[in-house]
Amino acid sequence: MLLREALVHLDRKRSKNRGQSAMFGELIASYQQRLDAMPVEREERVRGLVDQARRSDAILAVLQAQREALIRLRNEGQIDDEVLRTLQRELDLEESRVHTGSVVAH
């Protein structure tokens, strides 16, 4: 993924700097060679880790929004402190699952 970004960047630079086209061409060839040497499985595994991190970040953001909603409901008198604490514990457990990698949230 990073190698692909480097190639795109170098190609843009080569287009803007025609006088240095040969130098950028050499750099592009070098990066392309590195990309070609990467096993496909590794790249897919890395992509999977990035996707999982994004998913975890999204879940954590939702949990934070739920926490804020609980506080607001308690402050508005719609739920009491006991309900707040019970629901916060459930959110804590879900957050713990995200951090340990055992989250199965839908």
PDB file of N, CA and C in Angstrom:
ATOM      1  N   MET A   1       0.824  -1.188   0.000  1.00  0.00           N
ATOM      2  CA  MET A   1       0.000   0.000   0.000  1.00  0.00           C
ATOM      3  C   MET A   1       0.876   1.263   0.000  1.00  0.00           C
ATOM      4  N   LEU A   2       1.860   1.293   0.892  1.00  0.00           N
ATOM      5  CA  LEU A   2       2.746   2.455   0.948  1.00  0.00           C
ATOM      6  C   LEU A   2       3.602   2.552  -0.304  1.00  0.00           C
ATOM      7  N   LEU A   3       4.022   1.402  -0.805  1.00  0.00           N
ATOM      8  CA  LEU A   3       4.820   1.417  -2.025  1.00  0.00           C
ATOM      9  C   LEU A   3       4.002   1.951  -3.199  1.00  0.00           C
ATOM     10  N   ARG A   4       2.737   1.588  -3.253  1.00  0.00           N
ATOM     11  CA  ARG A   4       1.867   2.092  -4.322  1.00  0.00           C
ATOM     12  C   ARG A   4       1.723   3.615  -4.220  1.00  0.00           C
ATOM     13  N   GLU A   5       1.570   4.102  -2.996  1.00  0.00           N
ATOM     14  CA  GLU A   5       1.467   5.553  -2.787  1.00  0.00           C
ATOM     15  C   GLU A   5       2.754   6.248  -3.227  1.00  0.00           C
ATOM     16  N   ALA A   6       3.881   5.630  -2.924  1.00  0.00           N
ATOM     17  CA  ALA A   6       5.166   6.204  -3.342  1.00  0.00           C
ATOM     18  C   ALA A   6       5.253   6.271  -4.854  1.00  0.00           C
ATOM     19  N   LEU A   7       4.803   5.224  -5.519  1.00  0.00           N
ATOM     20  CA  LEU A   7       4.828   5.213  -6.989  1.00  0.00           C
ATOM     21  C   LEU A   7       3.947   6.308  -7.583  1.00  0.00           C
ATOM     22  N   VAL A   8       2.768   6.489  -7.020  1.00  0.00           N
ATOM     23  CA  VAL A   8       1.868   7.545  -7.508  1.00  0.00           C
ATOM     24  C   VAL A   8       2.512   8.912  -7.314  1.00  0.00           C
ATOM     25  N   HIS A   9       3.098   9.112  -6.146  1.00  0.00           N
ATOM     26  CA  HIS A   9       3.759  10.387  -5.840  1.00  0.00           C
ATOM     27  C   HIS A   9       4.912  10.648  -6.812  1.00  0.00           C
ATOM     28  N   LEU A  10       5.743   9.649  -7.018  1.00  0.00           N
ATOM     29  CA  LEU A  10       6.887   9.814  -7.923  1.00  0.00           C
ATOM     30  C   LEU A  10       6.442  10.071  -9.357  1.00  0.00           C
ATOM     31  N   ASP A  11       5.388   9.410  -9.772  1.00  0.00           N
ATOM     32  CA  ASP A  11       4.883   9.618 -11.129  1.00  0.00           C
ATOM     33  C   ASP A  11       4.381  11.057 -11.305  1.00  0.00           C
ATOM     34  N   ARG A  12       3.715  11.578 -10.275  1.00  0.00           N
ATOM     35  CA  ARG A  12       3.267  12.988 -10.338  1.00  0.00           C
ATOM     36  C   ARG A  12       4.452  13.933 -10.420  1.00  0.00           C
ATOM     37  N   LYS A  13       5.465  13.657  -9.601  1.00  0.00           N
ATOM     38  CA  LYS A  13       6.666  14.495  -9.605  1.00  0.00           C
ATOM     39  C   LYS A  13       7.348  14.459 -10.969  1.00  0.00           C
ATOM     40  N   ARG A  14       7.419  13.280 -11.570  1.00  0.00           N
ATOM     41  CA  ARG A  14       8.053  13.143 -12.878  1.00  0.00           C
ATOM     42  C   ARG A  14       7.282  13.952 -13.920  1.00  0.00           C
ATOM     43  N   SER A  15       5.953  13.947 -13.830  1.00  0.00           N
ATOM     44  CA  SER A  15       5.134  14.707 -14.783  1.00  0.00           C
ATOM     45  C   SER A  15       5.356  16.207 -14.649  1.00  0.00           C
ATOM     46  N   LYS A  16       5.581  16.680 -13.433  1.00  0.00           N
ATOM     47  CA  LYS A  16       5.764  18.119 -13.191  1.00  0.00           C
ATOM     48  C   LYS A  16       7.198  18.571 -13.434  1.00  0.00           C
ATOM     49  N   ASN A  17       8.135  17.669 -13.337  1.00  0.00           N
ATOM     50  CA  ASN A  17       9.555  18.003 -13.462  1.00  0.00           C
ATOM     51  C   ASN A  17      10.165  17.240 -14.640  1.00  0.00           C
ATOM     52  N   ARG A  18       9.798  17.632 -15.824  1.00  0.00           N
ATOM     53  CA  ARG A  18      10.249  16.934 -17.038  1.00  0.00           C
ATOM     54  C   ARG A  18      11.775  16.898 -17.147  1.00  0.00           C
ATOM     55  N   GLY A  19      12.442  17.906 -16.633  1.00  0.00           N
ATOM     56  CA  GLY A  19      13.900  17.956 -16.706  1.00  0.00           C
ATOM     57  C   GLY A  19      14.565  16.884 -15.866  1.00  0.00           C
ATOM     58  N   GLN A  20      13.850  16.360 -14.874  1.00  0.00           N
ATOM     59  CA  GLN A  20      14.400  15.323 -14.002  1.00  0.00           C
ATOM     60  C   GLN A  20      13.697  13.981 -14.231  1.00  0.00           C
ATOM     61  N   SER A  21      13.116  13.836 -15.399  1.00  0.00           N
ATOM     62  CA  SER A  21      12.342  12.642 -15.722  1.00  0.00           C
ATOM     63  C   SER A  21      13.154  11.356 -15.551  1.00  0.00           C
ATOM     64  N   ALA A  22      14.415  11.373 -15.960  1.00  0.00           N
ATOM     65  CA  ALA A  22      15.253  10.173 -15.866  1.00  0.00           C
ATOM     66  C   ALA A  22      15.458   9.765 -14.407  1.00  0.00           C
ATOM     67  N   MET A  23      15.735  10.757 -13.544  1.00  0.00           N
ATOM     68  CA  MET A  23      15.942  10.459 -12.129  1.00  0.00           C
ATOM     69  C   MET A  23      14.676   9.856 -11.524  1.00  0.00           C
ATOM     70  N   PHE A  24      13.520  10.493 -11.799  1.00  0.00           N
ATOM     71  CA  PHE A  24      12.263   9.972 -11.258  1.00  0.00           C
ATOM     72  C   PHE A  24      11.956   8.600 -11.851  1.00  0.00           C
ATOM     73  N   GLY A  25      12.305   8.393 -13.104  1.00  0.00           N
ATOM     74  CA  GLY A  25      12.114   7.082 -13.733  1.00  0.00           C
ATOM     75  C   GLY A  25      12.887   5.999 -13.022  1.00  0.00           C
ATOM     76  N   GLU A  26      14.128   6.310 -12.637  1.00  0.00           N
ATOM     77  CA  GLU A  26      14.945   5.343 -11.897  1.00  0.00           C
ATOM     78  C   GLU A  26      14.326   5.037 -10.533  1.00  0.00           C
ATOM     79  N   LEU A  27      13.865   6.091  -9.853  1.00  0.00           N
ATOM     80  CA  LEU A  27      13.225   5.881  -8.549  1.00  0.00           C
ATOM     81  C   LEU A  27      11.958   5.047  -8.698  1.00  0.00           C
ATOM     82  N   ILE A  28      11.184   5.354  -9.718  1.00  0.00           N
ATOM     83  CA  ILE A  28       9.953   4.593  -9.955  1.00  0.00           C
ATOM     84  C   ILE A  28      10.285   3.126 -10.206  1.00  0.00           C
ATOM     85  N   ALA A  29      11.289   2.874 -11.020  1.00  0.00           N
ATOM     86  CA  ALA A  29      11.689   1.491 -11.302  1.00  0.00           C
ATOM     87  C   ALA A  29      12.118   0.771 -10.032  1.00  0.00           C
ATOM     88  N   SER A  30      12.840   1.473  -9.173  1.00  0.00           N
ATOM     89  CA  SER A  30      13.293   0.883  -7.923  1.00  0.00           C
ATOM     90  C   SER A  30      12.112   0.518  -7.020  1.00  0.00           C
ATOM     91  N   TYR A  31      11.175   1.456  -6.881  1.00  0.00           N
ATOM     92  CA  TYR A  31      10.005   1.191  -6.040  1.00  0.00           C
ATOM     93  C   TYR A  31       9.115   0.112  -6.657  1.00  0.00           C
ATOM     94  N   GLN A  32       8.991   0.110  -7.957  1.00  0.00           N
ATOM     95  CA  GLN A  32       8.174  -0.909  -8.623  1.00  0.00           C
ATOM     96  C   GLN A  32       8.779  -2.292  -8.399  1.00  0.00           C
ATOM     97  N   GLN A  33      10.114  -2.357  -8.441  1.00  0.00           N
ATOM     98  CA  GLN A  33      10.801  -3.627  -8.205  1.00  0.00           C
ATOM     99  C   GLN A  33      10.515  -4.131  -6.786  1.00  0.00           C
ATOM    100  N   ARG A  34      10.538  -3.220  -5.828  1.00  0.00           N
ATOM    101  CA  ARG A  34      10.235  -3.601  -4.440  1.00  0.00           C
ATOM    102  C   ARG A  34       8.799  -4.080  -4.306  1.00  0.00           C
ATOM    103  N   LEU A  35       7.890  -3.389  -4.979  1.00  0.00           N
ATOM    104  CA  LEU A  35       6.485  -3.780  -4.930  1.00  0.00           C
ATOM    105  C   LEU A  35       6.283  -5.157  -5.561  1.00  0.00           C
ATOM    106  N   ASP A  36       6.926  -5.381  -6.690  1.00  0.00           N
ATOM    107  CA  ASP A  36       6.804  -6.669  -7.379  1.00  0.00           C
ATOM    108  C   ASP A  36       7.365  -7.816  -6.539  1.00  0.00           C
ATOM    109  N   ALA A  37       8.331  -7.521  -5.694  1.00  0.00           N
ATOM    110  CA  ALA A  37       8.965  -8.556  -4.873  1.00  0.00           C
ATOM    111  C   ALA A  37       8.131  -8.926  -3.645  1.00  0.00           C
ATOM    112  N   MET A  38       7.142  -8.104  -3.309  1.00  0.00           N
ATOM    113  CA  MET A  38       6.312  -8.392  -2.134  1.00  0.00           C
ATOM    114  C   MET A  38       5.357  -9.541  -2.420  1.00  0.00           C
ATOM    115  N   PRO A  39       5.301 -10.486  -1.498  1.00  0.00           N
ATOM    116  CA  PRO A  39       4.317 -11.557  -1.682  1.00  0.00           C
ATOM    117  C   PRO A  39       2.907 -10.983  -1.588  1.00  0.00           C
ATOM    118  N   VAL A  40       2.037 -11.485  -2.420  1.00  0.00           N
ATOM    119  CA  VAL A  40       0.651 -11.004  -2.437  1.00  0.00           C
ATOM    120  C   VAL A  40      -0.016 -11.252  -1.090  1.00  0.00           C
ATOM    121  N   GLU A  41       0.259 -12.397  -0.487  1.00  0.00           N
ATOM    122  CA  GLU A  41      -0.372 -12.717   0.792  1.00  0.00           C
ATOM    123  C   GLU A  41      -0.032 -11.676   1.854  1.00  0.00           C
ATOM    124  N   ARG A  42       1.227 -11.232   1.859  1.00  0.00           N
ATOM    125  CA  ARG A  42       1.643 -10.259   2.866  1.00  0.00           C
ATOM    126  C   ARG A  42       0.887  -8.951   2.676  1.00  0.00           C
ATOM    127  N   GLU A  43       0.776  -8.526   1.433  1.00  0.00           N
ATOM    128  CA  GLU A  43       0.061  -7.278   1.155  1.00  0.00           C
ATOM    129  C   GLU A  43      -1.392  -7.407   1.581  1.00  0.00           C
ATOM    130  N   GLU A  44      -2.016  -8.557   1.311  1.00  0.00           N
ATOM    131  CA  GLU A  44      -3.403  -8.755   1.712  1.00  0.00           C
ATOM    132  C   GLU A  44      -3.524  -8.807   3.227  1.00  0.00           C
ATOM    133  N   ARG A  45      -2.541  -9.426   3.892  1.00  0.00           N
ATOM    134  CA  ARG A  45      -2.561  -9.493   5.347  1.00  0.00           C
ATOM    135  C   ARG A  45      -2.446  -8.092   5.935  1.00  0.00           C
ATOM    136  N   VAL A  46      -1.558  -7.280   5.382  1.00  0.00           N
ATOM    137  CA  VAL A  46      -1.400  -5.899   5.851  1.00  0.00           C
ATOM    138  C   VAL A  46      -2.696  -5.125   5.622  1.00  0.00           C
ATOM    139  N   ARG A  47      -3.291  -5.299   4.435  1.00  0.00           N
ATOM    140  CA  ARG A  47      -4.550  -4.622   4.143  1.00  0.00           C
ATOM    141  C   ARG A  47      -5.620  -5.045   5.153  1.00  0.00           C
ATOM    142  N   GLY A  48      -5.644  -6.347   5.497  1.00  0.00           N
ATOM    143  CA  GLY A  48      -6.604  -6.843   6.482  1.00  0.00           C
ATOM    144  C   GLY A  48      -6.404  -6.202   7.840  1.00  0.00           C
ATOM    145  N   LEU A  49      -5.141  -6.012   8.233  1.00  0.00           N
ATOM    146  CA  LEU A  49      -4.862  -5.352   9.509  1.00  0.00           C
ATOM    147  C   LEU A  49      -5.319  -3.903   9.492  1.00  0.00           C
ATOM    148  N   VAL A  50      -5.110  -3.220   8.372  1.00  0.00           N
ATOM    149  CA  VAL A  50      -5.547  -1.830   8.250  1.00  0.00           C
ATOM    150  C   VAL A  50      -7.066  -1.765   8.317  1.00  0.00           C
ATOM    151  N   ASP A  51      -7.740  -2.682   7.592  1.00  0.00           N
ATOM    152  CA  ASP A  51      -9.206  -2.713   7.623  1.00  0.00           C
ATOM    153  C   ASP A  51      -9.705  -2.986   9.036  1.00  0.00           C
ATOM    154  N   GLN A  52      -9.054  -3.910   9.747  1.00  0.00           N
ATOM    155  CA  GLN A  52      -9.459  -4.233  11.113  1.00  0.00           C
ATOM    156  C   GLN A  52      -9.250  -3.025  12.030  1.00  0.00           C
ATOM    157  N   ALA A  53      -8.160  -2.301  11.849  1.00  0.00           N
ATOM    158  CA  ALA A  53      -7.915  -1.113  12.672  1.00  0.00           C
ATOM    159  C   ALA A  53      -8.978  -0.056  12.405  1.00  0.00           C
ATOM    160  N   ARG A  54      -9.333   0.134  11.146  1.00  0.00           N
ATOM    161  CA  ARG A  54     -10.391   1.102  10.814  1.00  0.00           C
ATOM    162  C   ARG A  54     -11.717   0.673  11.418  1.00  0.00           C
ATOM    163  N   ARG A  55     -12.004  -0.621  11.356  1.00  0.00           N
ATOM    164  CA  ARG A  55     -13.247  -1.137  11.931  1.00  0.00           C
ATOM    165  C   ARG A  55     -13.259  -0.902  13.443  1.00  0.00           C
ATOM    166  N   SER A  56     -12.142  -1.196  14.095  1.00  0.00           N
ATOM    167  CA  SER A  56     -12.048  -0.981  15.542  1.00  0.00           C
ATOM    168  C   SER A  56     -12.234   0.493  15.889  1.00  0.00           C
ATOM    169  N   ASP A  57     -11.610   1.374  15.120  1.00  0.00           N
ATOM    170  CA  ASP A  57     -11.771   2.814  15.357  1.00  0.00           C
ATOM    171  C   ASP A  57     -13.225   3.234  15.215  1.00  0.00           C
ATOM    172  N   ALA A  58     -13.911   2.695  14.221  1.00  0.00           N
ATOM    173  CA  ALA A  58     -15.319   3.034  14.009  1.00  0.00           C
ATOM    174  C   ALA A  58     -16.174   2.546  15.174  1.00  0.00           C
ATOM    175  N   ILE A  59     -15.905   1.326  15.645  1.00  0.00           N
ATOM    176  CA  ILE A  59     -16.661   0.790  16.778  1.00  0.00           C
ATOM    177  C   ILE A  59     -16.408   1.626  18.026  1.00  0.00           C
ATOM    178  N   LEU A  60     -15.150   2.000  18.267  1.00  0.00           N
ATOM    179  CA  LEU A  60     -14.826   2.823  19.439  1.00  0.00           C
ATOM    180  C   LEU A  60     -15.526   4.179  19.367  1.00  0.00           C
ATOM    181  N   ALA A  61     -15.640   4.746  18.185  1.00  0.00           N
ATOM    182  CA  ALA A  61     -16.338   6.024  18.032  1.00  0.00           C
ATOM    183  C   ALA A  61     -17.820   5.871  18.358  1.00  0.00           C
ATOM    184  N   VAL A  62     -18.410   4.764  17.940  1.00  0.00           N
ATOM    185  CA  VAL A  62     -19.826   4.506  18.249  1.00  0.00           C
ATOM    186  C   VAL A  62     -20.006   4.327  19.755  1.00  0.00           C
ATOM    187  N   LEU A  63     -19.096   3.593  20.376  1.00  0.00           N
ATOM    188  CA  LEU A  63     -19.185   3.396  21.824  1.00  0.00           C
ATOM    189  C   LEU A  63     -19.079   4.725  22.564  1.00  0.00           C
ATOM    190  N   GLN A  64     -18.212   5.621  22.088  1.00  0.00           N
ATOM    191  CA  GLN A  64     -18.079   6.936  22.712  1.00  0.00           C
ATOM    192  C   GLN A  64     -19.376   7.733  22.559  1.00  0.00           C
ATOM    193  N   ALA A  65     -19.991   7.662  21.396  1.00  0.00           N
ATOM    194  CA  ALA A  65     -21.259   8.361  21.179  1.00  0.00           C
ATOM    195  C   ALA A  65     -22.336   7.803  22.109  1.00  0.00           C
ATOM    196  N   GLN A  66     -22.329   6.493  22.318  1.00  0.00           N
ATOM    197  CA  GLN A  66     -23.293   5.890  23.231  1.00  0.00           C
ATOM    198  C   GLN A  66     -23.045   6.355  24.661  1.00  0.00           C
ATOM    199  N   ARG A  67     -21.790   6.447  25.054  1.00  0.00           N
ATOM    200  CA  ARG A  67     -21.465   6.932  26.402  1.00  0.00           C
ATOM    201  C   ARG A  67     -21.992   8.364  26.608  1.00  0.00           C
ATOM    202  N   GLU A  68     -21.756   9.202  25.603  1.00  0.00           N
ATOM    203  CA  GLU A  68     -22.227  10.586  25.696  1.00  0.00           C
ATOM    204  C   GLU A  68     -23.749  10.653  25.765  1.00  0.00           C
ATOM    205  N   ALA A  69     -24.424   9.781  25.020  1.00  0.00           N
ATOM    206  CA  ALA A  69     -25.891   9.750  25.049  1.00  0.00           C
ATOM    207  C   ALA A  69     -26.389   9.304  26.418  1.00  0.00           C
ATOM    208  N   LEU A  70     -25.712   8.326  27.018  1.00  0.00           N
ATOM    209  CA  LEU A  70     -26.109   7.874  28.352  1.00  0.00           C
ATOM    210  C   LEU A  70     -25.999   9.003  29.382  1.00  0.00           C
ATOM    211  N   ILE A  71     -24.903   9.728  29.342  1.00  0.00           N
ATOM    212  CA  ILE A  71     -24.711  10.853  30.273  1.00  0.00           C
ATOM    213  C   ILE A  71     -25.813  11.893  30.072  1.00  0.00           C
ATOM    214  N   ARG A  72     -26.096  12.184  28.791  1.00  0.00           N
ATOM    215  CA  ARG A  72     -27.149  13.164  28.487  1.00  0.00           C
ATOM    216  C   ARG A  72     -28.504  12.688  29.020  1.00  0.00           C
ATOM    217  N   LEU A  73     -28.822  11.404  28.829  1.00  0.00           N
ATOM    218  CA  LEU A  73     -30.092  10.865  29.320  1.00  0.00           C
ATOM    219  C   LEU A  73     -30.168  10.937  30.847  1.00  0.00           C
ATOM    220  N   ARG A  74     -29.050  10.631  31.509  1.00  0.00           N
ATOM    221  CA  ARG A  74     -29.022  10.729  32.974  1.00  0.00           C
ATOM    222  C   ARG A  74     -29.186  12.178  33.419  1.00  0.00           C
ATOM    223  N   ASN A  75     -28.492  13.099  32.748  1.00  0.00           N
ATOM    224  CA  ASN A  75     -28.592  14.510  33.107  1.00  0.00           C
ATOM    225  C   ASN A  75     -29.988  15.065  32.869  1.00  0.00           C
ATOM    226  N   GLU A  76     -30.677  14.529  31.873  1.00  0.00           N
ATOM    227  CA  GLU A  76     -32.048  14.959  31.572  1.00  0.00           C
ATOM    228  C   GLU A  76     -33.073  14.254  32.457  1.00  0.00           C
ATOM    229  N   GLY A  77     -32.619  13.323  33.312  1.00  0.00           N
ATOM    230  CA  GLY A  77     -33.513  12.623  34.218  1.00  0.00           C
ATOM    231  C   GLY A  77     -34.274  11.468  33.577  1.00  0.00           C
ATOM    232  N   GLN A  78     -33.881  11.050  32.395  1.00  0.00           N
ATOM    233  CA  GLN A  78     -34.590   9.963  31.720  1.00  0.00           C
ATOM    234  C   GLN A  78     -34.142   8.589  32.198  1.00  0.00           C
ATOM    235  N   ILE A  79     -32.919   8.501  32.741  1.00  0.00           N
ATOM    236  CA  ILE A  79     -32.448   7.282  33.380  1.00  0.00           C
ATOM    237  C   ILE A  79     -31.771   7.672  34.683  1.00  0.00           C
ATOM    238  N   ASP A  80     -31.732   6.729  35.631  1.00  0.00           N
ATOM    239  CA  ASP A  80     -31.075   7.041  36.903  1.00  0.00           C
ATOM    240  C   ASP A  80     -29.628   6.545  36.888  1.00  0.00           C
ATOM    241  N   ASP A  81     -28.915   6.808  37.985  1.00  0.00           N
ATOM    242  CA  ASP A  81     -27.495   6.452  38.060  1.00  0.00           C
ATOM    243  C   ASP A  81     -27.261   4.949  37.955  1.00  0.00           C
ATOM    244  N   GLU A  82     -28.169   4.153  38.512  1.00  0.00           N
ATOM    245  CA  GLU A  82     -27.991   2.699  38.463  1.00  0.00           C
ATOM    246  C   GLU A  82     -28.069   2.188  37.016  1.00  0.00           C
ATOM    247  N   VAL A  83     -29.035   2.669  36.269  1.00  0.00           N
ATOM    248  CA  VAL A  83     -29.153   2.279  34.859  1.00  0.00           C
ATOM    249  C   VAL A  83     -27.919   2.768  34.096  1.00  0.00           C
ATOM    250  N   LEU A  84     -27.494   3.985  34.371  1.00  0.00           N
ATOM    251  CA  LEU A  84     -26.302   4.534  33.728  1.00  0.00           C
ATOM    252  C   LEU A  84     -25.107   3.622  33.953  1.00  0.00           C
ATOM    253  N   ARG A  85     -24.862   3.239  35.211  1.00  0.00           N
ATOM    254  CA  ARG A  85     -23.701   2.398  35.530  1.00  0.00           C
ATOM    255  C   ARG A  85     -23.799   1.019  34.864  1.00  0.00           C
ATOM    256  N   THR A  86     -24.990   0.451  34.857  1.00  0.00           N
ATOM    257  CA  THR A  86     -25.184  -0.861  34.225  1.00  0.00           C
ATOM    258  C   THR A  86     -24.854  -0.795  32.734  1.00  0.00           C
ATOM    259  N   LEU A  87     -25.367   0.218  32.062  1.00  0.00           N
ATOM    260  CA  LEU A  87     -25.125   0.358  30.629  1.00  0.00           C
ATOM    261  C   LEU A  87     -23.677   0.739  30.337  1.00  0.00           C
ATOM    262  N   GLN A  88     -23.065   1.517  31.226  1.00  0.00           N
ATOM    263  CA  GLN A  88     -21.653   1.854  31.053  1.00  0.00           C
ATOM    264  C   GLN A  88     -20.786   0.604  31.167  1.00  0.00           C
ATOM    265  N   ARG A  89     -21.125  -0.301  32.080  1.00  0.00           N
ATOM    266  CA  ARG A  89     -20.369  -1.560  32.210  1.00  0.00           C
ATOM    267  C   ARG A  89     -20.461  -2.375  30.922  1.00  0.00           C
ATOM    268  N   GLU A  90     -21.639  -2.405  30.315  1.00  0.00           N
ATOM    269  CA  GLU A  90     -21.788  -3.120  29.044  1.00  0.00           C
ATOM    270  C   GLU A  90     -20.911  -2.485  27.955  1.00  0.00           C
ATOM    271  N   LEU A  91     -20.880  -1.156  27.936  1.00  0.00           N
ATOM    272  CA  LEU A  91     -20.027  -0.470  26.969  1.00  0.00           C
ATOM    273  C   LEU A  91     -18.554  -0.729  27.258  1.00  0.00           C
ATOM    274  N   ASP A  92     -18.193  -0.755  28.547  1.00  0.00           N
ATOM    275  CA  ASP A  92     -16.808  -1.064  28.931  1.00  0.00           C
ATOM    276  C   ASP A  92     -16.399  -2.453  28.437  1.00  0.00           C
ATOM    277  N   LEU A  93     -17.300  -3.418  28.586  1.00  0.00           N
ATOM    278  CA  LEU A  93     -17.016  -4.776  28.136  1.00  0.00           C
ATOM    279  C   LEU A  93     -16.824  -4.815  26.623  1.00  0.00           C
ATOM    280  N   GLU A  94     -17.690  -4.131  25.901  1.00  0.00           N
ATOM    281  CA  GLU A  94     -17.565  -4.084  24.446  1.00  0.00           C
ATOM    282  C   GLU A  94     -16.256  -3.413  24.032  1.00  0.00           C
ATOM    283  N   GLU A  95     -15.897  -2.329  24.708  1.00  0.00           N
ATOM    284  CA  GLU A  95     -14.628  -1.649  24.411  1.00  0.00           C
ATOM    285  C   GLU A  95     -13.444  -2.559  24.689  1.00  0.00           C
ATOM    286  N   SER A  96     -13.514  -3.312  25.772  1.00  0.00           N
ATOM    287  CA  SER A  96     -12.455  -4.258  26.099  1.00  0.00           C
ATOM    288  C   SER A  96     -12.307  -5.300  24.995  1.00  0.00           C
ATOM    289  N   ARG A  97     -13.415  -5.746  24.448  1.00  0.00           N
ATOM    290  CA  ARG A  97     -13.364  -6.718  23.345  1.00  0.00           C
ATOM    291  C   ARG A  97     -12.680  -6.115  22.120  1.00  0.00           C
ATOM    292  N   VAL A  98     -12.941  -4.854  21.859  1.00  0.00           N
ATOM    293  CA  VAL A  98     -12.301  -4.191  20.723  1.00  0.00           C
ATOM    294  C   VAL A  98     -10.788  -4.148  20.929  1.00  0.00           C
ATOM    295  N   HIS A  99     -10.372  -3.767  22.115  1.00  0.00           N
ATOM    296  CA  HIS A  99      -8.938  -3.636  22.403  1.00  0.00           C
ATOM    297  C   HIS A  99      -8.199  -4.958  22.416  1.00  0.00           C
ATOM    298  N   THR A 100      -8.903  -6.045  22.761  1.00  0.00           N
ATOM    299  CA  THR A 100      -8.250  -7.350  22.794  1.00  0.00           C
ATOM    300  C   THR A 100      -8.381  -8.093  21.474  1.00  0.00           C
ATOM    301  N   GLY A 101      -9.118  -7.520  20.547  1.00  0.00           N
ATOM    302  CA  GLY A 101      -9.267  -8.147  19.241  1.00  0.00           C
ATOM    303  C   GLY A 101     -10.322  -9.217  19.198  1.00  0.00           C
ATOM    304  N   SER A 102     -11.132  -9.331  20.230  1.00  0.00           N
ATOM    305  CA  SER A 102     -12.165 -10.367  20.243  1.00  0.00           C
ATOM    306  C   SER A 102     -13.555  -9.810  19.953  1.00  0.00           C
ATOM    307  N   VAL A 103     -13.590  -8.600  19.378  1.00  0.00           N
ATOM    308  CA  VAL A 103     -14.870  -7.969  19.089  1.00  0.00           C
ATOM    309  C   VAL A 103     -15.568  -8.702  17.946  1.00  0.00           C
ATOM    310  N   VAL A 104     -16.854  -8.883  18.126  1.00  0.00           N
ATOM    311  CA  VAL A 104     -17.672  -9.489  17.082  1.00  0.00           C
ATOM    312  C   VAL A 104     -18.883  -8.621  16.802  1.00  0.00           C
ATOM    313  N   ALA A 105     -18.754  -7.326  17.101  1.00  0.00           N
ATOM    314  CA  ALA A 105     -19.871  -6.400  16.905  1.00  0.00           C
ATOM    315  C   ALA A 105     -20.281  -6.372  15.454  1.00  0.00           C
ATOM    316  N   HIS A 106     -21.561  -6.231  15.257  1.00  0.00           N
ATOM    317  CA  HIS A 106     -22.119  -6.229  13.894  1.00  0.00           C
ATOM    318  C   HIS A 106     -22.308  -4.826  13.388  1.00  0.00           C
TER     319      HIS A 106
END
